[in-house]
Amino acid sequence: MPTPVKYRQQLRDFGYRCTKPREAVLHTLLEADHPMTASEVFERLQQNCTKIDLATVYRNLHMLSDLGLVVQIGFAHEGQFRYAWSEGRAQAQYMRCEQCGDIISLPVPSLKRLKHFI
């Protein structure tokens, strides 16, 4: 898992400041065990008493996605994107249960094995 120092340096390398809202969004995604929607990130930040508005969350997620620090994931029929920290997840695939909504991460090798059965 990347360290806060590492992502701060990556932001600086791209020419961006490490603002408190930006760090809060990144930290929330780093701690998450599954990809989160912007609304979920916002709710988690509100629970932690972080002063941030939803528009700021969206702006930061979009910018972090453009920089490649965060991946944008879309699930069919959900109508919104989910976001996850990109490092170490480039080869991850996610599945969402249509009944309960749980999201699980599947390593790519297991998906490659499935190809042989199709």
PDB file of N, CA and C in Angstrom:
ATOM      1  N   MET A   1       0.845  -1.187   0.000  1.00  0.00           N
ATOM      2  CA  MET A   1       0.000   0.000   0.000  1.00  0.00           C
ATOM      3  C   MET A   1       0.890   1.250   0.000  1.00  0.00           C
ATOM      4  N   PRO A   2       0.553   2.236  -0.796  1.00  0.00           N
ATOM      5  CA  PRO A   2       1.375   3.447  -0.853  1.00  0.00           C
ATOM      6  C   PRO A   2       1.300   4.227   0.455  1.00  0.00           C
ATOM      7  N   THR A   3       2.358   4.931   0.741  1.00  0.00           N
ATOM      8  CA  THR A   3       2.398   5.734   1.954  1.00  0.00           C
ATOM      9  C   THR A   3       1.924   7.148   1.652  1.00  0.00           C
ATOM     10  N   PRO A   4       1.435   7.851   2.674  1.00  0.00           N
ATOM     11  CA  PRO A   4       1.044   9.254   2.463  1.00  0.00           C
ATOM     12  C   PRO A   4       2.171  10.097   1.881  1.00  0.00           C
ATOM     13  N   VAL A   5       3.406   9.832   2.289  1.00  0.00           N
ATOM     14  CA  VAL A   5       4.544  10.587   1.772  1.00  0.00           C
ATOM     15  C   VAL A   5       4.673  10.357   0.272  1.00  0.00           C
ATOM     16  N   LYS A   6       4.459   9.121  -0.164  1.00  0.00           N
ATOM     17  CA  LYS A   6       4.592   8.793  -1.578  1.00  0.00           C
ATOM     18  C   LYS A   6       3.543   9.514  -2.417  1.00  0.00           C
ATOM     19  N   TYR A   7       2.267   9.504  -1.983  1.00  0.00           N
ATOM     20  CA  TYR A   7       1.268  10.173  -2.812  1.00  0.00           C
ATOM     21  C   TYR A   7       1.398  11.681  -2.751  1.00  0.00           C
ATOM     22  N   ARG A   8       1.892  12.207  -1.651  1.00  0.00           N
ATOM     23  CA  ARG A   8       2.157  13.653  -1.591  1.00  0.00           C
ATOM     24  C   ARG A   8       3.223  14.023  -2.623  1.00  0.00           C
ATOM     25  N   GLN A   9       4.263  13.204  -2.691  1.00  0.00           N
ATOM     26  CA  GLN A   9       5.335  13.471  -3.649  1.00  0.00           C
ATOM     27  C   GLN A   9       4.832  13.325  -5.079  1.00  0.00           C
ATOM     28  N   GLN A  10       3.983  12.349  -5.334  1.00  0.00           N
ATOM     29  CA  GLN A  10       3.440  12.165  -6.676  1.00  0.00           C
ATOM     30  C   GLN A  10       2.617  13.389  -7.090  1.00  0.00           C
ATOM     31  N   LEU A  11       1.822  13.912  -6.180  1.00  0.00           N
ATOM     32  CA  LEU A  11       1.047  15.119  -6.490  1.00  0.00           C
ATOM     33  C   LEU A  11       1.971  16.285  -6.811  1.00  0.00           C
ATOM     34  N   ARG A  12       3.011  16.451  -6.003  1.00  0.00           N
ATOM     35  CA  ARG A  12       3.969  17.538  -6.256  1.00  0.00           C
ATOM     36  C   ARG A  12       4.662  17.352  -7.601  1.00  0.00           C
ATOM     37  N   ASP A  13       5.000  16.098  -7.928  1.00  0.00           N
ATOM     38  CA  ASP A  13       5.645  15.813  -9.214  1.00  0.00           C
ATOM     39  C   ASP A  13       4.756  16.225 -10.380  1.00  0.00           C
ATOM     40  N   PHE A  14       3.431  16.129 -10.215  1.00  0.00           N
ATOM     41  CA  PHE A  14       2.483  16.529 -11.252  1.00  0.00           C
ATOM     42  C   PHE A  14       2.171  18.026 -11.202  1.00  0.00           C
ATOM     43  N   GLY A  15       2.739  18.731 -10.207  1.00  0.00           N
ATOM     44  CA  GLY A  15       2.530  20.169 -10.108  1.00  0.00           C
ATOM     45  C   GLY A  15       1.313  20.574  -9.293  1.00  0.00           C
ATOM     46  N   TYR A  16       0.809  19.684  -8.453  1.00  0.00           N
ATOM     47  CA  TYR A  16      -0.357  19.979  -7.616  1.00  0.00           C
ATOM     48  C   TYR A  16       0.052  20.084  -6.153  1.00  0.00           C
ATOM     49  N   ARG A  17      -0.667  20.933  -5.452  1.00  0.00           N
ATOM     50  CA  ARG A  17      -0.442  21.066  -4.018  1.00  0.00           C
ATOM     51  C   ARG A  17      -1.177  19.955  -3.276  1.00  0.00           C
ATOM     52  N   CYS A  18      -0.712  19.655  -2.094  1.00  0.00           N
ATOM     53  CA  CYS A  18      -1.369  18.665  -1.238  1.00  0.00           C
ATOM     54  C   CYS A  18      -2.290  19.404  -0.276  1.00  0.00           C
ATOM     55  N   THR A  19      -3.473  19.722  -0.751  1.00  0.00           N
ATOM     56  CA  THR A  19      -4.438  20.418   0.091  1.00  0.00           C
ATOM     57  C   THR A  19      -5.077  19.432   1.063  1.00  0.00           C
ATOM     58  N   LYS A  20      -5.643  19.964   2.137  1.00  0.00           N
ATOM     59  CA  LYS A  20      -6.287  19.087   3.123  1.00  0.00           C
ATOM     60  C   LYS A  20      -7.452  18.302   2.509  1.00  0.00           C
ATOM     61  N   PRO A  21      -8.321  18.925   1.704  1.00  0.00           N
ATOM     62  CA  PRO A  21      -9.396  18.144   1.083  1.00  0.00           C
ATOM     63  C   PRO A  21      -8.864  17.037   0.162  1.00  0.00           C
ATOM     64  N   ARG A  22      -7.840  17.348  -0.615  1.00  0.00           N
ATOM     65  CA  ARG A  22      -7.266  16.360  -1.536  1.00  0.00           C
ATOM     66  C   ARG A  22      -6.669  15.193  -0.753  1.00  0.00           C
ATOM     67  N   GLU A  23      -5.941  15.509   0.309  1.00  0.00           N
ATOM     68  CA  GLU A  23      -5.369  14.457   1.143  1.00  0.00           C
ATOM     69  C   GLU A  23      -6.462  13.628   1.797  1.00  0.00           C
ATOM     70  N   ALA A  24      -7.542  14.259   2.218  1.00  0.00           N
ATOM     71  CA  ALA A  24      -8.646  13.533   2.852  1.00  0.00           C
ATOM     72  C   ALA A  24      -9.290  12.561   1.871  1.00  0.00           C
ATOM     73  N   VAL A  25      -9.480  12.984   0.630  1.00  0.00           N
ATOM     74  CA  VAL A  25     -10.054  12.109  -0.397  1.00  0.00           C
ATOM     75  C   VAL A  25      -9.116  10.933  -0.652  1.00  0.00           C
ATOM     76  N   LEU A  26      -7.832  11.215  -0.836  1.00  0.00           N
ATOM     77  CA  LEU A  26      -6.859  10.143  -1.065  1.00  0.00           C
ATOM     78  C   LEU A  26      -6.801   9.174   0.108  1.00  0.00           C
ATOM     79  N   HIS A  27      -6.771   9.701   1.311  1.00  0.00           N
ATOM     80  CA  HIS A  27      -6.691   8.859   2.505  1.00  0.00           C
ATOM     81  C   HIS A  27      -7.920   7.958   2.609  1.00  0.00           C
ATOM     82  N   THR A  28      -9.080   8.484   2.274  1.00  0.00           N
ATOM     83  CA  THR A  28     -10.313   7.695   2.304  1.00  0.00           C
ATOM     84  C   THR A  28     -10.230   6.542   1.319  1.00  0.00           C
ATOM     85  N   LEU A  29      -9.729   6.808   0.118  1.00  0.00           N
ATOM     86  CA  LEU A  29      -9.590   5.741  -0.875  1.00  0.00           C
ATOM     87  C   LEU A  29      -8.523   4.734  -0.481  1.00  0.00           C
ATOM     88  N   LEU A  30      -7.457   5.197   0.154  1.00  0.00           N
ATOM     89  CA  LEU A  30      -6.401   4.288   0.609  1.00  0.00           C
ATOM     90  C   LEU A  30      -6.923   3.307   1.650  1.00  0.00           C
ATOM     91  N   GLU A  31      -7.826   3.766   2.509  1.00  0.00           N
ATOM     92  CA  GLU A  31      -8.353   2.921   3.583  1.00  0.00           C
ATOM     93  C   GLU A  31      -9.499   2.023   3.126  1.00  0.00           C
ATOM     94  N   ALA A  32     -10.097   2.342   1.990  1.00  0.00           N
ATOM     95  CA  ALA A  32     -11.276   1.607   1.525  1.00  0.00           C
ATOM     96  C   ALA A  32     -10.912   0.187   1.102  1.00  0.00           C
ATOM     97  N   ASP A  33     -11.814  -0.745   1.375  1.00  0.00           N
ATOM     98  CA  ASP A  33     -11.585  -2.126   0.964  1.00  0.00           C
ATOM     99  C   ASP A  33     -12.270  -2.455  -0.358  1.00  0.00           C
ATOM    100  N   HIS A  34     -12.939  -1.461  -0.949  1.00  0.00           N
ATOM    101  CA  HIS A  34     -13.585  -1.635  -2.248  1.00  0.00           C
ATOM    102  C   HIS A  34     -13.690  -0.264  -2.927  1.00  0.00           C
ATOM    103  N   PRO A  35     -13.883  -0.242  -4.231  1.00  0.00           N
ATOM    104  CA  PRO A  35     -14.048   1.045  -4.918  1.00  0.00           C
ATOM    105  C   PRO A  35     -15.270   1.795  -4.384  1.00  0.00           C
ATOM    106  N   MET A  36     -15.138   3.103  -4.246  1.00  0.00           N
ATOM    107  CA  MET A  36     -16.193   3.927  -3.663  1.00  0.00           C
ATOM    108  C   MET A  36     -16.722   4.942  -4.667  1.00  0.00           C
ATOM    109  N   THR A  37     -18.006   5.263  -4.552  1.00  0.00           N
ATOM    110  CA  THR A  37     -18.573   6.348  -5.346  1.00  0.00           C
ATOM    111  C   THR A  37     -18.171   7.668  -4.711  1.00  0.00           C
ATOM    112  N   ALA A  38     -18.337   8.749  -5.450  1.00  0.00           N
ATOM    113  CA  ALA A  38     -18.049  10.077  -4.894  1.00  0.00           C
ATOM    114  C   ALA A  38     -18.929  10.333  -3.673  1.00  0.00           C
ATOM    115  N   SER A  39     -20.177   9.910  -3.739  1.00  0.00           N
ATOM    116  CA  SER A  39     -21.093  10.102  -2.607  1.00  0.00           C
ATOM    117  C   SER A  39     -20.632   9.322  -1.382  1.00  0.00           C
ATOM    118  N   GLU A  40     -20.131   8.110  -1.600  1.00  0.00           N
ATOM    119  CA  GLU A  40     -19.628   7.318  -0.474  1.00  0.00           C
ATOM    120  C   GLU A  40     -18.387   7.964   0.144  1.00  0.00           C
ATOM    121  N   VAL A  41     -17.504   8.481  -0.713  1.00  0.00           N
ATOM    122  CA  VAL A  41     -16.323   9.190  -0.205  1.00  0.00           C
ATOM    123  C   VAL A  41     -16.776  10.388   0.626  1.00  0.00           C
ATOM    124  N   PHE A  42     -17.713  11.153   0.083  1.00  0.00           N
ATOM    125  CA  PHE A  42     -18.242  12.332   0.783  1.00  0.00           C
ATOM    126  C   PHE A  42     -18.848  11.953   2.130  1.00  0.00           C
ATOM    127  N   GLU A  43     -19.663  10.898   2.149  1.00  0.00           N
ATOM    128  CA  GLU A  43     -20.293  10.459   3.406  1.00  0.00           C
ATOM    129  C   GLU A  43     -19.252  10.031   4.433  1.00  0.00           C
ATOM    130  N   ARG A  44     -18.232   9.302   3.977  1.00  0.00           N
ATOM    131  CA  ARG A  44     -17.178   8.863   4.900  1.00  0.00           C
ATOM    132  C   ARG A  44     -16.435  10.060   5.470  1.00  0.00           C
ATOM    133  N   LEU A  45     -16.175  11.059   4.626  1.00  0.00           N
ATOM    134  CA  LEU A  45     -15.491  12.258   5.106  1.00  0.00           C
ATOM    135  C   LEU A  45     -16.355  13.024   6.098  1.00  0.00           C
ATOM    136  N   GLN A  46     -17.657  13.072   5.844  1.00  0.00           N
ATOM    137  CA  GLN A  46     -18.570  13.738   6.777  1.00  0.00           C
ATOM    138  C   GLN A  46     -18.594  13.018   8.122  1.00  0.00           C
ATOM    139  N   GLN A  47     -18.560  11.693   8.099  1.00  0.00           N
ATOM    140  CA  GLN A  47     -18.539  10.906   9.336  1.00  0.00           C
ATOM    141  C   GLN A  47     -17.274  11.186  10.143  1.00  0.00           C
ATOM    142  N   ASN A  48     -16.184  11.487   9.434  1.00  0.00           N
ATOM    143  CA  ASN A  48     -14.911  11.802  10.093  1.00  0.00           C
ATOM    144  C   ASN A  48     -14.783  13.285  10.418  1.00  0.00           C
ATOM    145  N   CYS A  49     -15.887  14.021  10.258  1.00  0.00           N
ATOM    146  CA  CYS A  49     -15.938  15.460  10.554  1.00  0.00           C
ATOM    147  C   CYS A  49     -14.980  16.279   9.692  1.00  0.00           C
ATOM    148  N   THR A  50     -14.755  15.839   8.464  1.00  0.00           N
ATOM    149  CA  THR A  50     -13.926  16.587   7.533  1.00  0.00           C
ATOM    150  C   THR A  50     -14.807  17.599   6.819  1.00  0.00           C
ATOM    151  N   LYS A  51     -14.396  18.858   6.842  1.00  0.00           N
ATOM    152  CA  LYS A  51     -15.166  19.910   6.180  1.00  0.00           C
ATOM    153  C   LYS A  51     -14.818  19.927   4.703  1.00  0.00           C
ATOM    154  N   ILE A  52     -15.741  19.419   3.891  1.00  0.00           N
ATOM    155  CA  ILE A  52     -15.552  19.336   2.450  1.00  0.00           C
ATOM    156  C   ILE A  52     -16.939  19.249   1.822  1.00  0.00           C
ATOM    157  N   ASP A  53     -17.082  19.816   0.630  1.00  0.00           N
ATOM    158  CA  ASP A  53     -18.391  19.701  -0.026  1.00  0.00           C
ATOM    159  C   ASP A  53     -18.300  18.668  -1.151  1.00  0.00           C
ATOM    160  N   LEU A  54     -19.451  18.207  -1.609  1.00  0.00           N
ATOM    161  CA  LEU A  54     -19.513  17.155  -2.607  1.00  0.00           C
ATOM    162  C   LEU A  54     -18.843  17.567  -3.921  1.00  0.00           C
ATOM    163  N   ALA A  55     -18.979  18.824  -4.308  1.00  0.00           N
ATOM    164  CA  ALA A  55     -18.350  19.301  -5.548  1.00  0.00           C
ATOM    165  C   ALA A  55     -16.826  19.182  -5.464  1.00  0.00           C
ATOM    166  N   THR A  56     -16.262  19.452  -4.303  1.00  0.00           N
ATOM    167  CA  THR A  56     -14.811  19.334  -4.111  1.00  0.00           C
ATOM    168  C   THR A  56     -14.384  17.884  -4.209  1.00  0.00           C
ATOM    169  N   VAL A  57     -15.192  16.980  -3.674  1.00  0.00           N
ATOM    170  CA  VAL A  57     -14.891  15.553  -3.783  1.00  0.00           C
ATOM    171  C   VAL A  57     -14.865  15.149  -5.254  1.00  0.00           C
ATOM    172  N   TYR A  58     -15.890  15.547  -6.009  1.00  0.00           N
ATOM    173  CA  TYR A  58     -15.948  15.219  -7.439  1.00  0.00           C
ATOM    174  C   TYR A  58     -14.749  15.798  -8.195  1.00  0.00           C
ATOM    175  N   ARG A  59     -14.420  17.060  -7.933  1.00  0.00           N
ATOM    176  CA  ARG A  59     -13.287  17.693  -8.633  1.00  0.00           C
ATOM    177  C   ARG A  59     -11.985  16.955  -8.352  1.00  0.00           C
ATOM    178  N   ASN A  60     -11.773  16.610  -7.086  1.00  0.00           N
ATOM    179  CA  ASN A  60     -10.537  15.929  -6.721  1.00  0.00           C
ATOM    180  C   ASN A  60     -10.488  14.517  -7.295  1.00  0.00           C
ATOM    181  N   LEU A  61     -11.589  13.796  -7.271  1.00  0.00           N
ATOM    182  CA  LEU A  61     -11.600  12.448  -7.849  1.00  0.00           C
ATOM    183  C   LEU A  61     -11.318  12.496  -9.351  1.00  0.00           C
ATOM    184  N   HIS A  62     -11.909  13.467 -10.031  1.00  0.00           N
ATOM    185  CA  HIS A  62     -11.683  13.604 -11.472  1.00  0.00           C
ATOM    186  C   HIS A  62     -10.219  13.926 -11.752  1.00  0.00           C
ATOM    187  N   MET A  63      -9.648  14.858 -11.015  1.00  0.00           N
ATOM    188  CA  MET A  63      -8.253  15.246 -11.199  1.00  0.00           C
ATOM    189  C   MET A  63      -7.319  14.084 -10.877  1.00  0.00           C
ATOM    190  N   LEU A  64      -7.563  13.374  -9.791  1.00  0.00           N
ATOM    191  CA  LEU A  64      -6.720  12.249  -9.404  1.00  0.00           C
ATOM    192  C   LEU A  64      -6.817  11.110 -10.426  1.00  0.00           C
ATOM    193  N   SER A  65      -7.990  10.949 -11.007  1.00  0.00           N
ATOM    194  CA  SER A  65      -8.182   9.956 -12.062  1.00  0.00           C
ATOM    195  C   SER A  65      -7.405  10.356 -13.313  1.00  0.00           C
ATOM    196  N   ASP A  66      -7.469  11.620 -13.684  1.00  0.00           N
ATOM    197  CA  ASP A  66      -6.721  12.112 -14.850  1.00  0.00           C
ATOM    198  C   ASP A  66      -5.220  11.917 -14.673  1.00  0.00           C
ATOM    199  N   LEU A  67      -4.736  12.045 -13.431  1.00  0.00           N
ATOM    200  CA  LEU A  67      -3.309  11.875 -13.153  1.00  0.00           C
ATOM    201  C   LEU A  67      -2.904  10.409 -13.063  1.00  0.00           C
ATOM    202  N   GLY A  68      -3.878   9.515 -12.989  1.00  0.00           N
ATOM    203  CA  GLY A  68      -3.581   8.092 -12.890  1.00  0.00           C
ATOM    204  C   GLY A  68      -3.338   7.607 -11.479  1.00  0.00           C
ATOM    205  N   LEU A  69      -3.552   8.461 -10.486  1.00  0.00           N
ATOM    206  CA  LEU A  69      -3.377   8.051  -9.091  1.00  0.00           C
ATOM    207  C   LEU A  69      -4.582   7.261  -8.590  1.00  0.00           C
ATOM    208  N   VAL A  70      -5.708   7.483  -9.240  1.00  0.00           N
ATOM    209  CA  VAL A  70      -6.961   6.832  -8.875  1.00  0.00           C
ATOM    210  C   VAL A  70      -7.538   6.238 -10.156  1.00  0.00           C
ATOM    211  N   VAL A  71      -8.129   5.048 -10.047  1.00  0.00           N
ATOM    212  CA  VAL A  71      -8.786   4.453 -11.205  1.00  0.00           C
ATOM    213  C   VAL A  71     -10.287   4.664 -11.091  1.00  0.00           C
ATOM    214  N   GLN A  72     -10.897   4.870 -12.235  1.00  0.00           N
ATOM    215  CA  GLN A  72     -12.336   5.087 -12.331  1.00  0.00           C
ATOM    216  C   GLN A  72     -12.950   3.786 -12.841  1.00  0.00           C
ATOM    217  N   ILE A  73     -13.898   3.245 -12.093  1.00  0.00           N
ATOM    218  CA  ILE A  73     -14.482   1.947 -12.412  1.00  0.00           C
ATOM    219  C   ILE A  73     -15.984   2.119 -12.590  1.00  0.00           C
ATOM    220  N   GLY A  74     -16.503   1.573 -13.654  1.00  0.00           N
ATOM    221  CA  GLY A  74     -17.940   1.638 -13.891  1.00  0.00           C
ATOM    222  C   GLY A  74     -18.558   0.254 -13.841  1.00  0.00           C
ATOM    223  N   PHE A  75     -19.661   0.120 -13.127  1.00  0.00           N
ATOM    224  CA  PHE A  75     -20.405  -1.131 -13.087  1.00  0.00           C
ATOM    225  C   PHE A  75     -21.679  -0.953 -13.887  1.00  0.00           C
ATOM    226  N   ALA A  76     -22.021  -1.965 -14.664  1.00  0.00           N
ATOM    227  CA  ALA A  76     -23.247  -1.907 -15.459  1.00  0.00           C
ATOM    228  C   ALA A  76     -24.449  -1.688 -14.549  1.00  0.00           C
ATOM    229  N   HIS A  77     -25.378  -0.913 -14.991  1.00  0.00           N
ATOM    230  CA  HIS A  77     -26.648  -0.644 -14.301  1.00  0.00           C
ATOM    231  C   HIS A  77     -26.505   0.206 -13.040  1.00  0.00           C
ATOM    232  N   GLU A  78     -25.306   0.680 -12.737  1.00  0.00           N
ATOM    233  CA  GLU A  78     -25.157   1.503 -11.542  1.00  0.00           C
ATOM    234  C   GLU A  78     -25.325   2.979 -11.868  1.00  0.00           C
ATOM    235  N   GLY A  79     -24.918   3.397 -13.064  1.00  0.00           N
ATOM    236  CA  GLY A  79     -25.115   4.766 -13.489  1.00  0.00           C
ATOM    237  C   GLY A  79     -24.162   5.780 -12.882  1.00  0.00           C
ATOM    238  N   GLN A  80     -23.091   5.312 -12.244  1.00  0.00           N
ATOM    239  CA  GLN A  80     -22.097   6.215 -11.672  1.00  0.00           C
ATOM    240  C   GLN A  80     -20.762   5.487 -11.615  1.00  0.00           C
ATOM    241  N   PHE A  81     -19.697   6.270 -11.472  1.00  0.00           N
ATOM    242  CA  PHE A  81     -18.378   5.677 -11.374  1.00  0.00           C
ATOM    243  C   PHE A  81     -18.028   5.423  -9.921  1.00  0.00           C
ATOM    244  N   ARG A  82     -17.147   4.470  -9.733  1.00  0.00           N
ATOM    245  CA  ARG A  82     -16.530   4.212  -8.436  1.00  0.00           C
ATOM    246  C   ARG A  82     -15.041   4.486  -8.605  1.00  0.00           C
ATOM    247  N   TYR A  83     -14.376   4.787  -7.521  1.00  0.00           N
ATOM    248  CA  TYR A  83     -12.969   5.159  -7.571  1.00  0.00           C
ATOM    249  C   TYR A  83     -12.183   4.327  -6.572  1.00  0.00           C
ATOM    250  N   ALA A  84     -10.953   3.982  -6.967  1.00  0.00           N
ATOM    251  CA  ALA A  84     -10.050   3.230  -6.098  1.00  0.00           C
ATOM    252  C   ALA A  84      -8.635   3.726  -6.344  1.00  0.00           C
ATOM    253  N   TRP A  85      -7.800   3.605  -5.323  1.00  0.00           N
ATOM    254  CA  TRP A  85      -6.391   3.948  -5.451  1.00  0.00           C
ATOM    255  C   TRP A  85      -5.796   3.042  -6.513  1.00  0.00           C
ATOM    256  N   SER A  86      -5.022   3.566  -7.427  1.00  0.00           N
ATOM    257  CA  SER A  86      -4.569   2.786  -8.580  1.00  0.00           C
ATOM    258  C   SER A  86      -3.392   1.866  -8.290  1.00  0.00           C
ATOM    259  N   GLU A  87      -2.496   2.237  -7.410  1.00  0.00           N
ATOM    260  CA  GLU A  87      -1.287   1.443  -7.202  1.00  0.00           C
ATOM    261  C   GLU A  87      -1.629   0.066  -6.640  1.00  0.00           C
ATOM    262  N   GLY A  88      -1.096  -0.939  -7.291  1.00  0.00           N
ATOM    263  CA  GLY A  88      -1.323  -2.300  -6.844  1.00  0.00           C
ATOM    264  C   GLY A  88      -2.664  -2.865  -7.277  1.00  0.00           C
ATOM    265  N   ARG A  89      -3.457  -2.065  -7.973  1.00  0.00           N
ATOM    266  CA  ARG A  89      -4.768  -2.543  -8.393  1.00  0.00           C
ATOM    267  C   ARG A  89      -4.916  -2.555  -9.906  1.00  0.00           C
ATOM    268  N   ALA A  90      -3.818  -2.303 -10.589  1.00  0.00           N
ATOM    269  CA  ALA A  90      -3.895  -2.246 -12.052  1.00  0.00           C
ATOM    270  C   ALA A  90      -4.375  -3.567 -12.636  1.00  0.00           C
ATOM    271  N   GLN A  91      -4.055  -4.674 -11.975  1.00  0.00           N
ATOM    272  CA  GLN A  91      -4.448  -5.976 -12.482  1.00  0.00           C
ATOM    273  C   GLN A  91      -5.690  -6.531 -11.771  1.00  0.00           C
ATOM    274  N   ALA A  92      -6.338  -5.741 -10.958  1.00  0.00           N
ATOM    275  CA  ALA A  92      -7.529  -6.208 -10.244  1.00  0.00           C
ATOM    276  C   ALA A  92      -8.776  -6.000 -11.092  1.00  0.00           C
ATOM    277  N   GLN A  93      -9.687  -6.916 -10.960  1.00  0.00           N
ATOM    278  CA  GLN A  93     -11.000  -6.801 -11.576  1.00  0.00           C
ATOM    279  C   GLN A  93     -12.014  -6.855 -10.442  1.00  0.00           C
ATOM    280  N   TYR A  94     -13.073  -6.099 -10.577  1.00  0.00           N
ATOM    281  CA  TYR A  94     -14.072  -6.046  -9.521  1.00  0.00           C
ATOM    282  C   TYR A  94     -15.394  -6.601 -10.017  1.00  0.00           C
ATOM    283  N   MET A  95     -16.083  -7.271  -9.116  1.00  0.00           N
ATOM    284  CA  MET A  95     -17.421  -7.769  -9.406  1.00  0.00           C
ATOM    285  C   MET A  95     -18.351  -7.252  -8.318  1.00  0.00           C
ATOM    286  N   ARG A  96     -19.566  -6.919  -8.737  1.00  0.00           N
ATOM    287  CA  ARG A  96     -20.567  -6.406  -7.798  1.00  0.00           C
ATOM    288  C   ARG A  96     -21.770  -7.328  -7.832  1.00  0.00           C
ATOM    289  N   CYS A  97     -22.187  -7.803  -6.670  1.00  0.00           N
ATOM    290  CA  CYS A  97     -23.359  -8.663  -6.560  1.00  0.00           C
ATOM    291  C   CYS A  97     -24.607  -7.811  -6.829  1.00  0.00           C
ATOM    292  N   GLU A  98     -25.421  -8.243  -7.775  1.00  0.00           N
ATOM    293  CA  GLU A  98     -26.629  -7.493  -8.118  1.00  0.00           C
ATOM    294  C   GLU A  98     -27.698  -7.589  -7.036  1.00  0.00           C
ATOM    295  N   GLN A  99     -27.626  -8.610  -6.166  1.00  0.00           N
ATOM    296  CA  GLN A  99     -28.625  -8.758  -5.120  1.00  0.00           C
ATOM    297  C   GLN A  99     -28.279  -7.965  -3.865  1.00  0.00           C
ATOM    298  N   CYS A 100     -27.059  -8.154  -3.354  1.00  0.00           N
ATOM    299  CA  CYS A 100     -26.709  -7.498  -2.083  1.00  0.00           C
ATOM    300  C   CYS A 100     -25.864  -6.243  -2.262  1.00  0.00           C
ATOM    301  N   GLY A 101     -25.240  -6.048  -3.453  1.00  0.00           N
ATOM    302  CA  GLY A 101     -24.434  -4.860  -3.713  1.00  0.00           C
ATOM    303  C   GLY A 101     -22.992  -4.962  -3.267  1.00  0.00           C
ATOM    304  N   ASP A 102     -22.597  -6.087  -2.649  1.00  0.00           N
ATOM    305  CA  ASP A 102     -21.209  -6.248  -2.224  1.00  0.00           C
ATOM    306  C   ASP A 102     -20.280  -6.227  -3.431  1.00  0.00           C
ATOM    307  N   ILE A 103     -19.095  -5.671  -3.245  1.00  0.00           N
ATOM    308  CA  ILE A 103     -18.085  -5.598  -4.295  1.00  0.00           C
ATOM    309  C   ILE A 103     -16.882  -6.402  -3.836  1.00  0.00           C
ATOM    310  N   ILE A 104     -16.407  -7.272  -4.712  1.00  0.00           N
ATOM    311  CA  ILE A 104     -15.219  -8.052  -4.387  1.00  0.00           C
ATOM    312  C   ILE A 104     -14.173  -7.840  -5.475  1.00  0.00           C
ATOM    313  N   SER A 105     -12.933  -7.995  -5.093  1.00  0.00           N
ATOM    314  CA  SER A 105     -11.815  -7.872  -6.023  1.00  0.00           C
ATOM    315  C   SER A 105     -11.365  -9.268  -6.416  1.00  0.00           C
ATOM    316  N   LEU A 106     -11.207  -9.488  -7.707  1.00  0.00           N
ATOM    317  CA  LEU A 106     -10.729 -10.768  -8.212  1.00  0.00           C
ATOM    318  C   LEU A 106      -9.374 -10.558  -8.865  1.00  0.00           C
ATOM    319  N   PRO A 107      -8.404 -11.381  -8.520  1.00  0.00           N
ATOM    320  CA  PRO A 107      -7.121 -11.266  -9.206  1.00  0.00           C
ATOM    321  C   PRO A 107      -7.271 -11.709 -10.653  1.00  0.00           C
ATOM    322  N   VAL A 108      -6.541 -11.092 -11.535  1.00  0.00           N
ATOM    323  CA  VAL A 108      -6.632 -11.386 -12.960  1.00  0.00           C
ATOM    324  C   VAL A 108      -6.338 -12.852 -13.268  1.00  0.00           C
ATOM    325  N   PRO A 109      -5.351 -13.498 -12.637  1.00  0.00           N
ATOM    326  CA  PRO A 109      -5.101 -14.899 -12.989  1.00  0.00           C
ATOM    327  C   PRO A 109      -6.353 -15.776 -12.890  1.00  0.00           C
ATOM    328  N   SER A 110      -7.210 -15.537 -11.912  1.00  0.00           N
ATOM    329  CA  SER A 110      -8.412 -16.361 -11.805  1.00  0.00           C
ATOM    330  C   SER A 110      -9.357 -16.084 -12.966  1.00  0.00           C
ATOM    331  N   LEU A 111      -9.384 -14.861 -13.463  1.00  0.00           N
ATOM    332  CA  LEU A 111     -10.209 -14.548 -14.620  1.00  0.00           C
ATOM    333  C   LEU A 111      -9.645 -15.196 -15.873  1.00  0.00           C
ATOM    334  N   LYS A 112      -8.329 -15.266 -15.977  1.00  0.00           N
ATOM    335  CA  LYS A 112      -7.713 -15.919 -17.134  1.00  0.00           C
ATOM    336  C   LYS A 112      -8.054 -17.398 -17.142  1.00  0.00           C
ATOM    337  N   ARG A 113      -8.103 -18.008 -15.971  1.00  0.00           N
ATOM    338  CA  ARG A 113      -8.468 -19.417 -15.888  1.00  0.00           C
ATOM    339  C   ARG A 113      -9.895 -19.628 -16.349  1.00  0.00           C
ATOM    340  N   LEU A 114     -10.776 -18.679 -16.049  1.00  0.00           N
ATOM    341  CA  LEU A 114     -12.171 -18.790 -16.465  1.00  0.00           C
ATOM    342  C   LEU A 114     -12.308 -18.817 -17.979  1.00  0.00           C
ATOM    343  N   LYS A 115     -11.408 -18.140 -18.666  1.00  0.00           N
ATOM    344  CA  LYS A 115     -11.443 -18.071 -20.129  1.00  0.00           C
ATOM    345  C   LYS A 115     -11.369 -19.468 -20.748  1.00  0.00           C
ATOM    346  N   HIS A 116     -10.666 -20.369 -20.105  1.00  0.00           N
ATOM    347  CA  HIS A 116     -10.509 -21.714 -20.629  1.00  0.00           C
ATOM    348  C   HIS A 116     -11.824 -22.508 -20.574  1.00  0.00           C
ATOM    349  N   PHE A 117     -12.728 -22.095 -19.728  1.00  0.00           N
ATOM    350  CA  PHE A 117     -13.996 -22.794 -19.586  1.00  0.00           C
ATOM    351  C   PHE A 117     -15.076 -22.239 -20.485  1.00  0.00           C
ATOM    352  N   ILE A 118     -14.812 -21.119 -21.109  1.00  0.00           N
ATOM    353  CA  ILE A 118     -15.834 -20.476 -21.958  1.00  0.00           C
ATOM    354  C   ILE A 118     -15.736 -20.973 -23.383  1.00  0.00           C
TER     355      ILE A 118
END
